[in-house]
N, C-alpha and C. Protein backbone atom coordinates (compact mmCIF):
# COMPACT_ATOMS: atom_id res chain seq x y z
N MET A 1 -4.04 19.48 -7.35
CA MET A 1 -2.53 20.25 -7.03
C MET A 1 -2.68 20.74 -5.70
N LEU A 2 -3.76 22.23 -6.68
CA LEU A 2 -3.63 23.27 -5.17
C LEU A 2 -4.11 23.04 -3.86
N TRP A 3 -4.85 21.70 -3.38
CA TRP A 3 -4.76 21.73 -2.18
C TRP A 3 -3.37 20.90 -2.15
N PHE A 4 -3.45 20.05 -2.72
CA PHE A 4 -1.62 19.46 -1.64
C PHE A 4 -0.54 21.00 -1.76
N THR A 5 -0.80 21.67 -2.62
CA THR A 5 -0.01 23.41 -1.69
C THR A 5 -0.33 23.66 -1.07
N LYS A 6 -1.48 23.69 -1.29
CA LYS A 6 -1.47 24.67 0.05
C LYS A 6 -1.27 23.77 1.21
N GLY A 7 -2.28 22.82 1.34
CA GLY A 7 -1.55 21.78 2.33
C GLY A 7 -0.18 21.71 2.57
N ALA A 8 0.65 22.04 1.40
CA ALA A 8 2.64 21.38 2.12
C ALA A 8 3.00 22.83 2.48
N GLU A 9 2.44 23.79 1.79
CA GLU A 9 3.11 25.87 2.80
C GLU A 9 2.17 25.78 3.86
N ALA A 10 0.74 24.89 4.27
CA ALA A 10 1.08 25.35 5.94
C ALA A 10 1.75 23.31 6.53
N GLY A 11 2.53 23.07 6.02
CA GLY A 11 3.37 22.52 6.93
C GLY A 11 2.90 20.93 7.27
N LEU A 12 1.78 20.38 6.25
CA LEU A 12 0.85 18.90 6.71
C LEU A 12 2.12 18.09 5.23
N PRO A 13 2.64 17.05 6.20
CA PRO A 13 3.96 16.43 5.62
C PRO A 13 3.40 15.38 4.27
N LYS A 14 1.93 14.39 4.51
CA LYS A 14 1.93 13.61 4.06
C LYS A 14 1.25 15.06 2.78
N ALA A 15 0.97 16.47 2.57
CA ALA A 15 0.07 17.19 1.25
C ALA A 15 1.75 17.97 0.83
N MET A 16 2.41 17.73 1.44
CA MET A 16 4.29 17.68 1.15
C MET A 16 4.61 16.85 0.23
N HIS A 17 4.63 15.51 0.51
CA HIS A 17 5.06 14.11 -0.21
C HIS A 17 4.46 14.72 -1.23
N ASN A 18 2.49 14.92 -1.26
CA ASN A 18 1.93 14.70 -2.79
C ASN A 18 2.11 15.32 -3.78
N LEU A 19 2.62 16.47 -3.01
CA LEU A 19 3.65 17.32 -4.13
C LEU A 19 4.17 17.19 -5.46
N ALA A 20 5.14 17.17 -3.96
CA ALA A 20 6.28 15.84 -4.50
C ALA A 20 6.41 15.23 -5.16
N VAL A 21 4.90 14.02 -5.39
CA VAL A 21 4.92 12.98 -6.44
C VAL A 21 4.10 13.63 -7.41
N CYS A 22 3.53 15.00 -7.22
CA CYS A 22 2.72 15.80 -8.77
C CYS A 22 3.97 16.55 -9.42
N LEU A 23 4.92 16.80 -9.12
CA LEU A 23 5.10 17.64 -9.12
C LEU A 23 6.38 16.72 -9.95
N ASP A 24 6.86 15.89 -9.60
CA ASP A 24 7.69 14.78 -10.36
C ASP A 24 7.57 14.35 -11.21
N LYS A 25 6.46 13.79 -11.51
CA LYS A 25 5.64 13.33 -12.55
C LYS A 25 4.81 14.00 -13.50
N GLY A 26 5.16 15.27 -13.12
CA GLY A 26 4.63 16.00 -13.98
C GLY A 26 2.78 16.54 -14.11
N GLU A 27 1.97 16.47 -13.32
CA GLU A 27 0.65 16.15 -13.50
C GLU A 27 -0.08 17.38 -13.12
N SER A 28 -1.71 17.38 -13.43
CA SER A 28 -1.77 18.54 -13.40
C SER A 28 -2.03 19.53 -14.81
N ALA A 29 -1.60 18.01 -15.75
CA ALA A 29 -1.34 19.13 -17.19
C ALA A 29 0.31 20.55 -16.92
N ALA A 30 1.18 19.68 -15.98
CA ALA A 30 2.35 20.84 -16.19
C ALA A 30 2.89 19.54 -16.04
N ALA A 31 4.52 20.09 -16.84
CA ALA A 31 5.31 19.53 -16.92
C ALA A 31 5.91 19.26 -15.46
N PRO A 32 6.88 18.55 -15.73
CA PRO A 32 7.40 18.15 -14.71
C PRO A 32 8.35 19.13 -14.11
N ASP A 33 8.18 19.40 -12.64
CA ASP A 33 9.30 20.43 -12.12
C ASP A 33 10.19 19.23 -11.30
N TYR A 34 11.65 19.17 -11.58
CA TYR A 34 12.10 17.86 -10.55
C TYR A 34 12.62 18.75 -9.75
N SER A 35 13.02 20.48 -9.70
CA SER A 35 13.67 21.01 -8.37
C SER A 35 12.82 20.46 -7.67
N ALA A 36 11.92 21.14 -8.15
CA ALA A 36 11.00 21.29 -6.75
C ALA A 36 10.51 20.47 -5.83
N ALA A 37 10.26 19.14 -7.22
CA ALA A 37 9.99 18.28 -6.12
C ALA A 37 10.40 17.42 -5.72
N ALA A 38 12.12 17.52 -5.65
CA ALA A 38 12.95 17.24 -5.02
C ALA A 38 13.61 18.00 -3.56
N ASP A 39 12.58 19.50 -3.65
CA ASP A 39 12.72 20.11 -2.63
C ASP A 39 11.54 19.90 -1.49
N TRP A 40 10.34 19.36 -2.01
CA TRP A 40 9.73 18.91 -1.64
C TRP A 40 9.87 17.54 -0.48
N TYR A 41 9.86 16.57 -1.62
CA TYR A 41 10.67 15.30 -0.89
C TYR A 41 11.42 15.18 0.28
N ARG A 42 12.02 16.22 0.20
CA ARG A 42 13.06 16.27 1.15
C ARG A 42 12.30 16.94 2.62
N HIS A 43 11.28 18.26 2.32
CA HIS A 43 10.67 18.43 3.05
C HIS A 43 10.09 17.68 4.22
N ALA A 44 9.62 16.60 2.94
CA ALA A 44 8.37 15.56 3.35
C ALA A 44 9.26 14.32 4.32
N ALA A 45 10.80 14.17 4.28
CA ALA A 45 11.21 13.53 4.78
C ALA A 45 11.65 13.75 5.64
N ALA A 46 12.02 15.61 6.45
CA ALA A 46 12.35 15.44 7.15
C ALA A 46 11.03 15.57 7.64
N ALA A 47 10.21 15.79 7.71
CA ALA A 47 8.87 15.52 8.78
C ALA A 47 8.69 14.40 9.24
N GLY A 48 8.93 13.60 8.09
CA GLY A 48 8.58 11.80 8.68
C GLY A 48 8.06 10.76 7.51
N VAL A 49 7.66 11.37 6.41
CA VAL A 49 7.50 10.75 5.82
C VAL A 49 8.44 10.35 5.19
N GLY A 50 8.70 8.11 5.35
CA GLY A 50 9.80 7.73 4.78
C GLY A 50 9.88 7.64 3.68
N GLY A 51 8.16 7.26 2.32
CA GLY A 51 8.30 7.01 0.95
C GLY A 51 9.01 8.28 0.44
N ALA A 52 8.69 9.87 0.63
CA ALA A 52 9.68 10.86 0.24
C ALA A 52 10.94 10.20 0.24
N ALA A 53 11.81 9.56 1.18
CA ALA A 53 13.21 9.45 1.29
C ALA A 53 13.13 8.55 0.38
N TRP A 54 12.41 7.60 -0.26
CA TRP A 54 13.03 6.90 -1.11
C TRP A 54 12.42 7.54 -2.54
N ASP A 55 11.22 7.58 -2.49
CA ASP A 55 11.43 8.54 -3.62
C ASP A 55 12.71 9.49 -4.58
N LEU A 56 12.69 10.10 -3.13
CA LEU A 56 13.63 11.30 -3.62
C LEU A 56 14.99 10.30 -4.44
N HIS A 57 15.47 9.15 -3.49
CA HIS A 57 16.57 8.00 -3.75
C HIS A 57 16.07 7.45 -5.06
N ASP A 58 14.89 7.88 -5.66
CA ASP A 58 14.88 7.03 -7.07
C ASP A 58 15.03 8.60 -8.02
N MET A 59 14.77 9.45 -8.08
CA MET A 59 15.13 10.72 -8.75
C MET A 59 16.22 10.75 -8.47
N TYR A 60 17.25 10.05 -7.95
CA TYR A 60 18.92 10.62 -7.64
C TYR A 60 19.18 9.30 -8.30
N ALA A 61 18.67 8.65 -8.19
CA ALA A 61 19.46 7.68 -8.77
C ALA A 61 19.16 7.41 -10.86
N VAL A 62 17.72 7.66 -11.04
CA VAL A 62 18.39 8.20 -12.34
C VAL A 62 18.44 9.70 -13.09
N GLY A 63 18.91 10.61 -12.12
CA GLY A 63 19.45 11.74 -12.60
C GLY A 63 18.91 12.68 -12.53
N ARG A 64 17.36 12.25 -11.90
CA ARG A 64 16.34 13.86 -12.09
C ARG A 64 16.92 14.58 -10.71
N GLY A 65 16.23 16.30 -11.05
CA GLY A 65 16.41 16.53 -9.77
C GLY A 65 18.23 17.19 -9.78
N ARG A 66 19.27 16.57 -10.07
CA ARG A 66 19.81 16.81 -10.00
C ARG A 66 20.88 16.58 -10.92
N ALA A 67 22.55 16.95 -11.38
CA ALA A 67 22.65 16.32 -11.96
C ALA A 67 23.41 14.99 -12.25
N SER A 68 22.83 13.53 -13.16
CA SER A 68 23.47 12.20 -12.91
C SER A 68 25.21 12.26 -12.86
N LEU A 69 25.51 11.75 -11.63
CA LEU A 69 26.97 11.02 -11.90
C LEU A 69 27.14 10.28 -12.88
N ASN A 70 26.27 8.96 -12.88
CA ASN A 70 26.79 8.30 -14.22
C ASN A 70 28.19 7.13 -13.90
N MET A 71 28.49 6.95 -12.45
CA MET A 71 29.42 6.47 -12.46
C MET A 71 29.02 4.86 -12.55
N SER A 72 30.37 4.29 -12.89
CA SER A 72 29.92 2.92 -13.08
C SER A 72 31.01 2.27 -12.16
N ALA A 73 31.06 0.69 -12.06
CA ALA A 73 31.08 0.22 -11.04
C ALA A 73 32.53 -0.01 -10.83
N SER A 74 33.17 0.34 -12.22
CA SER A 74 34.72 0.24 -12.68
C SER A 74 35.50 2.11 -12.34
N SER A 75 34.29 3.48 -12.30
CA SER A 75 34.93 4.23 -11.70
C SER A 75 35.59 4.16 -11.15
N PRO A 76 36.98 5.17 -10.80
CA PRO A 76 37.81 5.12 -9.46
C PRO A 76 36.98 5.63 -8.35
N MET A 77 35.84 6.36 -8.72
CA MET A 77 35.54 7.16 -7.28
C MET A 77 34.50 5.39 -6.41
N SER A 78 34.73 4.67 -7.12
CA SER A 78 33.59 3.41 -6.83
C SER A 78 35.05 2.47 -5.88
N ASP A 79 35.32 2.73 -5.76
CA ASP A 79 37.19 2.16 -4.83
C ASP A 79 36.99 3.36 -3.80
N PRO A 80 36.81 2.96 -2.46
CA PRO A 80 36.83 3.23 -1.18
C PRO A 80 37.93 3.28 -0.74
N ARG A 81 39.35 3.13 -1.84
CA ARG A 81 40.61 3.48 -1.10
C ARG A 81 40.69 4.06 -2.01
N SER A 82 40.72 4.83 -2.84
CA SER A 82 40.59 6.27 -3.36
C SER A 82 40.35 7.26 -2.67
N LEU A 83 39.92 7.16 -1.62
CA LEU A 83 38.90 8.75 -1.32
C LEU A 83 39.81 8.25 0.65
N ALA A 84 40.62 8.10 0.48
CA ALA A 84 42.15 8.15 2.14
C ALA A 84 42.65 9.44 0.77
C-alpha cells in the first residue's frame, strides 16, 4: 500500500484507484477507512479512471463512506412529484 500511497499523492490516477481499493477493503493489515477510500475514488474518477466511479457508486449503494439513506421504493422521496 505504501507505493500506491506515494503514486496517488504524486497524482497518478491508477495509483489513486488502487489505493482507494486497498482502503475500502482494509488490505495490508489495516482496518477499512471508508472515508479516505471514497475521497481517493473521487480523485481517481475525476482523473478519468472509469472503474473508480463505479466503485464509489458501490460504496454509496451499501452505505460505506457516508450515511446510508436506506430509502425504499415506497419512500416519499422516491416519487419525483414530491420534489416539485
